[in-house]
Each structure stands twice: as structure tokens, then as C-alpha cells.
Amino acid sequence: MIKETITIQDAVDVLNEALSLDSEAINTLIKARVKCNEDLSNHPSIQVGVNDDGSYRVGLLGIINGLFGADDITQYGAIGAKMDDTTGQTIKFILMDNASKTQTSL
């Protein structure tokens, strides 16, 4: 069934389900970053990082967060990843404190 709308919590739930089914694959995807251009870095809600050399990089979670927008004050996305301090592996996806419960039409 195709969903016409989803909540941020729906997305978090699917990410956590995927993580429980294949943590290695999801960790690899979440940690992966690819170079992107300045135009993408200027998108109002897609989360893009900056490398030490000033180039830009984007990952899957940054794109997913772009679907829901960014907090007006912090400019952070609605979904975060809780990491294990020892292994650096993603252990859980979370709804950030700044996230609303609004739905996003797809």
C-alpha cells in the first residue's frame, strides 16, 4: 500500500525496523557521505555537512530530514541517530526534541 502522508515518527519507526533487520547495511548507509555542490548545501531543509577542505557532503539521513524540514532556530532536522560511544555504530533512530508531529505529504 502506498502511503500518501507519513509522520516523522513513521519515518523513525521504519528506520529502526530496517536497523533491526540489517544493522550492518543501515550503518553503512547512514555513515556514507558523498560530495555535493553548494546549491544542495543551500537547500532550506536538507542537512549537508562541510569537509575540512570546504567541500560539501551529504548523507542519507540528511536527505530524509529534508523531507520534513529543519527547525527554524537550530536548523537541524527532525530525525537523529543515537550512536554507540564505543563502536560508533547506530543503535537507534530518534525523534529530535525540536521535531513536530506534523505529517508530510509524499
N, C-alpha and C. Protein backbone atom coordinates (compact mmCIF):
# COMPACT_ATOMS: atom_id res chain seq x y z
N MET A 1 0.84 -1.18 0.00
CA MET A 1 0.00 0.00 0.00
C MET A 1 0.89 1.24 0.00
N ILE A 2 0.60 2.18 -0.88
CA ILE A 2 1.30 3.45 -0.95
C ILE A 2 0.70 4.39 0.09
N LYS A 3 1.56 5.04 0.87
CA LYS A 3 1.10 6.00 1.87
C LYS A 3 1.15 7.39 1.26
N GLU A 4 0.07 8.12 1.38
CA GLU A 4 0.02 9.49 0.87
C GLU A 4 0.65 10.48 1.83
N THR A 5 0.62 10.17 3.13
CA THR A 5 1.24 11.02 4.14
C THR A 5 1.93 10.14 5.18
N ILE A 6 2.98 10.69 5.76
CA ILE A 6 3.66 10.00 6.86
C ILE A 6 4.04 11.03 7.91
N THR A 7 4.13 10.58 9.15
CA THR A 7 4.62 11.44 10.21
C THR A 7 6.12 11.21 10.37
N ILE A 8 6.74 12.11 11.09
CA ILE A 8 8.16 11.94 11.39
C ILE A 8 8.35 10.64 12.18
N GLN A 9 7.43 10.36 13.09
CA GLN A 9 7.52 9.13 13.87
C GLN A 9 7.42 7.90 12.98
N ASP A 10 6.60 7.96 11.93
CA ASP A 10 6.52 6.86 10.97
C ASP A 10 7.89 6.60 10.36
N ALA A 11 8.58 7.66 9.96
CA ALA A 11 9.90 7.52 9.35
C ALA A 11 10.90 6.94 10.34
N VAL A 12 10.87 7.42 11.59
CA VAL A 12 11.75 6.90 12.63
C VAL A 12 11.48 5.40 12.83
N ASP A 13 10.22 5.03 12.87
CA ASP A 13 9.86 3.62 13.06
C ASP A 13 10.39 2.74 11.93
N VAL A 14 10.27 3.19 10.70
CA VAL A 14 10.77 2.41 9.56
C VAL A 14 12.29 2.31 9.61
N LEU A 15 12.96 3.40 9.94
CA LEU A 15 14.42 3.37 10.05
C LEU A 15 14.86 2.39 11.15
N ASN A 16 14.18 2.41 12.29
CA ASN A 16 14.53 1.48 13.36
C ASN A 16 14.23 0.04 12.99
N GLU A 17 13.16 -0.18 12.25
CA GLU A 17 12.86 -1.53 11.78
C GLU A 17 13.96 -2.02 10.84
N ALA A 18 14.36 -1.16 9.91
CA ALA A 18 15.44 -1.52 8.99
C ALA A 18 16.73 -1.80 9.75
N LEU A 19 17.02 -0.98 10.76
CA LEU A 19 18.22 -1.16 11.57
C LEU A 19 18.20 -2.51 12.29
N SER A 20 17.02 -2.90 12.79
CA SER A 20 16.93 -4.19 13.49
C SER A 20 17.04 -5.37 12.53
N LEU A 21 16.63 -5.19 11.30
CA LEU A 21 16.70 -6.27 10.32
C LEU A 21 18.09 -6.47 9.75
N ASP A 22 18.83 -5.36 9.56
CA ASP A 22 20.18 -5.45 8.99
C ASP A 22 20.99 -4.24 9.43
N SER A 23 21.52 -4.33 10.65
CA SER A 23 22.24 -3.18 11.21
C SER A 23 23.49 -2.85 10.41
N GLU A 24 24.15 -3.84 9.86
CA GLU A 24 25.37 -3.57 9.09
C GLU A 24 25.05 -2.73 7.85
N ALA A 25 24.03 -3.11 7.11
CA ALA A 25 23.66 -2.36 5.91
C ALA A 25 23.22 -0.93 6.26
N ILE A 26 22.37 -0.80 7.27
CA ILE A 26 21.85 0.53 7.62
C ILE A 26 22.97 1.41 8.17
N ASN A 27 23.87 0.85 8.98
CA ASN A 27 25.01 1.63 9.47
C ASN A 27 25.88 2.10 8.32
N THR A 28 26.11 1.24 7.35
CA THR A 28 26.91 1.63 6.19
C THR A 28 26.23 2.77 5.43
N LEU A 29 24.92 2.65 5.22
CA LEU A 29 24.20 3.71 4.52
C LEU A 29 24.20 5.02 5.30
N ILE A 30 23.95 4.97 6.59
CA ILE A 30 23.86 6.17 7.40
C ILE A 30 25.21 6.88 7.52
N LYS A 31 26.28 6.11 7.57
CA LYS A 31 27.61 6.71 7.69
C LYS A 31 28.16 7.23 6.36
N ALA A 32 27.61 6.74 5.26
CA ALA A 32 28.11 7.14 3.95
C ALA A 32 27.81 8.61 3.67
N ARG A 33 28.79 9.30 3.16
CA ARG A 33 28.65 10.70 2.75
C ARG A 33 29.23 10.82 1.35
N VAL A 34 28.57 11.59 0.52
CA VAL A 34 29.08 11.84 -0.82
C VAL A 34 29.23 13.34 -1.02
N LYS A 35 30.19 13.68 -1.86
CA LYS A 35 30.37 15.10 -2.16
C LYS A 35 29.13 15.63 -2.85
N CYS A 36 28.80 16.86 -2.55
CA CYS A 36 27.69 17.52 -3.22
C CYS A 36 28.08 18.97 -3.50
N ASN A 37 27.26 19.64 -4.26
CA ASN A 37 27.61 21.01 -4.62
C ASN A 37 27.00 22.04 -3.66
N GLU A 38 27.37 23.27 -3.85
CA GLU A 38 26.91 24.35 -2.98
C GLU A 38 25.41 24.57 -3.10
N ASP A 39 24.86 24.35 -4.29
CA ASP A 39 23.41 24.51 -4.45
C ASP A 39 22.65 23.59 -3.49
N LEU A 40 23.07 22.33 -3.40
CA LEU A 40 22.42 21.40 -2.47
C LEU A 40 22.66 21.83 -1.02
N SER A 41 23.85 22.34 -0.75
CA SER A 41 24.15 22.77 0.63
C SER A 41 23.28 23.94 1.04
N ASN A 42 22.76 24.68 0.10
CA ASN A 42 21.90 25.84 0.40
C ASN A 42 20.42 25.49 0.47
N HIS A 43 20.10 24.22 0.31
CA HIS A 43 18.70 23.80 0.41
C HIS A 43 18.20 24.13 1.82
N PRO A 44 16.97 24.61 1.94
CA PRO A 44 16.48 25.05 3.25
C PRO A 44 16.26 23.95 4.28
N SER A 45 16.16 22.70 3.88
CA SER A 45 15.92 21.66 4.89
C SER A 45 16.82 20.44 4.77
N ILE A 46 17.42 20.18 3.63
CA ILE A 46 18.34 19.04 3.51
C ILE A 46 19.59 19.36 4.32
N GLN A 47 20.00 18.40 5.16
CA GLN A 47 21.16 18.58 6.02
C GLN A 47 22.42 18.22 5.26
N VAL A 48 23.34 19.18 5.12
CA VAL A 48 24.59 18.99 4.39
C VAL A 48 25.74 19.41 5.30
N GLY A 49 26.80 18.62 5.31
CA GLY A 49 27.98 18.95 6.11
C GLY A 49 29.07 19.57 5.25
N VAL A 50 30.09 20.08 5.92
CA VAL A 50 31.23 20.69 5.24
C VAL A 50 32.49 19.93 5.64
N ASN A 51 33.29 19.55 4.64
CA ASN A 51 34.56 18.89 4.88
C ASN A 51 35.61 19.91 5.32
N ASP A 52 36.73 19.44 5.84
CA ASP A 52 37.82 20.33 6.27
C ASP A 52 38.32 21.21 5.13
N ASP A 53 38.24 20.70 3.90
CA ASP A 53 38.73 21.48 2.75
C ASP A 53 37.67 22.44 2.19
N GLY A 54 36.52 22.52 2.86
CA GLY A 54 35.47 23.45 2.43
C GLY A 54 34.47 22.86 1.45
N SER A 55 34.70 21.62 1.01
CA SER A 55 33.74 20.97 0.11
C SER A 55 32.56 20.48 0.93
N TYR A 56 31.47 20.16 0.25
CA TYR A 56 30.24 19.76 0.92
C TYR A 56 30.03 18.26 0.80
N ARG A 57 29.29 17.69 1.79
CA ARG A 57 28.96 16.26 1.77
C ARG A 57 27.54 16.07 2.29
N VAL A 58 26.88 15.07 1.75
CA VAL A 58 25.51 14.78 2.16
C VAL A 58 25.36 13.28 2.37
N GLY A 59 24.48 12.93 3.30
CA GLY A 59 24.21 11.53 3.58
C GLY A 59 22.72 11.25 3.53
N LEU A 60 22.39 9.99 3.69
CA LEU A 60 21.00 9.55 3.60
C LEU A 60 20.12 10.23 4.64
N LEU A 61 20.58 10.32 5.88
CA LEU A 61 19.76 10.93 6.92
C LEU A 61 19.52 12.41 6.63
N GLY A 62 20.49 13.08 6.04
CA GLY A 62 20.31 14.48 5.66
C GLY A 62 19.22 14.66 4.61
N ILE A 63 19.14 13.72 3.69
CA ILE A 63 18.09 13.75 2.66
C ILE A 63 16.73 13.44 3.29
N ILE A 64 16.69 12.40 4.13
CA ILE A 64 15.42 12.04 4.78
C ILE A 64 14.92 13.21 5.62
N ASN A 65 15.82 13.84 6.38
CA ASN A 65 15.42 15.00 7.17
C ASN A 65 14.90 16.13 6.28
N GLY A 66 15.42 16.22 5.09
CA GLY A 66 14.95 17.25 4.16
C GLY A 66 13.48 17.11 3.81
N LEU A 67 12.94 15.90 3.91
CA LEU A 67 11.52 15.70 3.64
C LEU A 67 10.64 16.40 4.67
N PHE A 68 11.14 16.52 5.89
CA PHE A 68 10.34 17.06 6.99
C PHE A 68 10.67 18.50 7.33
N GLY A 69 11.72 19.04 6.78
CA GLY A 69 12.09 20.42 7.06
C GLY A 69 13.11 20.50 8.18
N ALA A 70 13.52 21.72 8.47
CA ALA A 70 14.52 21.97 9.51
C ALA A 70 13.92 22.89 10.56
N ASP A 71 14.38 22.74 11.78
CA ASP A 71 13.95 23.60 12.88
C ASP A 71 14.30 25.05 12.56
N ASP A 72 13.37 25.96 12.79
CA ASP A 72 13.59 27.37 12.47
C ASP A 72 14.75 27.98 13.24
N ILE A 73 14.98 27.52 14.45
CA ILE A 73 16.03 28.10 15.29
C ILE A 73 17.36 27.37 15.11
N THR A 74 17.35 26.04 15.28
CA THR A 74 18.61 25.28 15.25
C THR A 74 19.06 24.93 13.84
N GLN A 75 18.12 24.90 12.90
CA GLN A 75 18.36 24.46 11.52
C GLN A 75 18.69 22.97 11.43
N TYR A 76 18.44 22.21 12.51
CA TYR A 76 18.64 20.77 12.49
C TYR A 76 17.38 20.07 12.05
N GLY A 77 17.55 18.84 11.55
CA GLY A 77 16.42 18.04 11.12
C GLY A 77 15.69 17.39 12.27
N ALA A 78 14.59 16.74 11.93
CA ALA A 78 13.69 16.16 12.92
C ALA A 78 14.11 14.77 13.40
N ILE A 79 14.96 14.10 12.63
CA ILE A 79 15.36 12.73 12.97
C ILE A 79 16.85 12.71 13.28
N GLY A 80 17.18 12.06 14.39
CA GLY A 80 18.58 11.91 14.78
C GLY A 80 18.94 10.44 14.88
N ALA A 81 20.22 10.18 14.95
CA ALA A 81 20.72 8.82 15.12
C ALA A 81 21.50 8.76 16.42
N LYS A 82 21.11 7.86 17.29
CA LYS A 82 21.84 7.65 18.55
C LYS A 82 22.95 6.64 18.26
N MET A 83 24.17 7.01 18.61
CA MET A 83 25.33 6.20 18.29
C MET A 83 25.91 5.57 19.55
N ASP A 84 26.46 4.38 19.41
CA ASP A 84 27.19 3.72 20.50
C ASP A 84 28.52 4.44 20.65
N ASP A 85 28.83 4.91 21.86
CA ASP A 85 30.06 5.66 22.10
C ASP A 85 31.31 4.84 21.86
N THR A 86 31.25 3.55 22.05
CA THR A 86 32.42 2.69 21.90
C THR A 86 32.64 2.27 20.46
N THR A 87 31.57 1.81 19.80
CA THR A 87 31.72 1.26 18.45
C THR A 87 31.46 2.28 17.35
N GLY A 88 30.76 3.35 17.67
CA GLY A 88 30.40 4.33 16.64
C GLY A 88 29.26 3.88 15.75
N GLN A 89 28.63 2.76 16.10
CA GLN A 89 27.53 2.22 15.30
C GLN A 89 26.21 2.86 15.71
N THR A 90 25.32 3.01 14.75
CA THR A 90 23.97 3.50 15.05
C THR A 90 23.24 2.44 15.84
N ILE A 91 22.65 2.85 16.98
CA ILE A 91 21.90 1.89 17.78
C ILE A 91 20.41 2.18 17.76
N LYS A 92 20.04 3.40 17.37
CA LYS A 92 18.62 3.75 17.36
C LYS A 92 18.43 5.07 16.64
N PHE A 93 17.35 5.18 15.90
CA PHE A 93 16.94 6.46 15.34
C PHE A 93 15.93 7.09 16.28
N ILE A 94 16.00 8.39 16.43
CA ILE A 94 15.16 9.08 17.40
C ILE A 94 14.49 10.29 16.80
N LEU A 95 13.38 10.64 17.39
CA LEU A 95 12.68 11.88 17.07
C LEU A 95 13.35 12.97 17.89
N MET A 96 13.89 13.97 17.24
CA MET A 96 14.60 15.04 17.94
C MET A 96 13.61 15.90 18.72
N ASP A 97 14.07 16.54 19.78
CA ASP A 97 13.22 17.38 20.62
C ASP A 97 12.56 18.51 19.83
N ASN A 98 13.23 18.97 18.78
CA ASN A 98 12.71 20.10 18.01
C ASN A 98 11.68 19.68 16.97
N ALA A 99 11.41 18.38 16.86
CA ALA A 99 10.53 17.87 15.80
C ALA A 99 9.07 18.01 16.19
N SER A 100 8.29 18.36 15.22
CA SER A 100 6.84 18.43 15.43
C SER A 100 6.22 17.10 15.03
N LYS A 101 4.96 16.94 15.28
CA LYS A 101 4.25 15.70 14.94
C LYS A 101 3.48 15.86 13.62
N THR A 102 3.83 16.85 12.84
CA THR A 102 3.09 17.10 11.61
C THR A 102 3.35 16.01 10.59
N GLN A 103 2.43 15.89 9.66
CA GLN A 103 2.58 14.91 8.58
C GLN A 103 3.15 15.60 7.35
N THR A 104 3.87 14.83 6.57
CA THR A 104 4.41 15.32 5.31
C THR A 104 3.74 14.54 4.19
N SER A 105 3.19 15.26 3.22
CA SER A 105 2.62 14.61 2.05
C SER A 105 3.75 14.17 1.15
N LEU A 106 3.63 12.99 0.60
CA LEU A 106 4.67 12.47 -0.30
C LEU A 106 4.27 12.65 -1.73
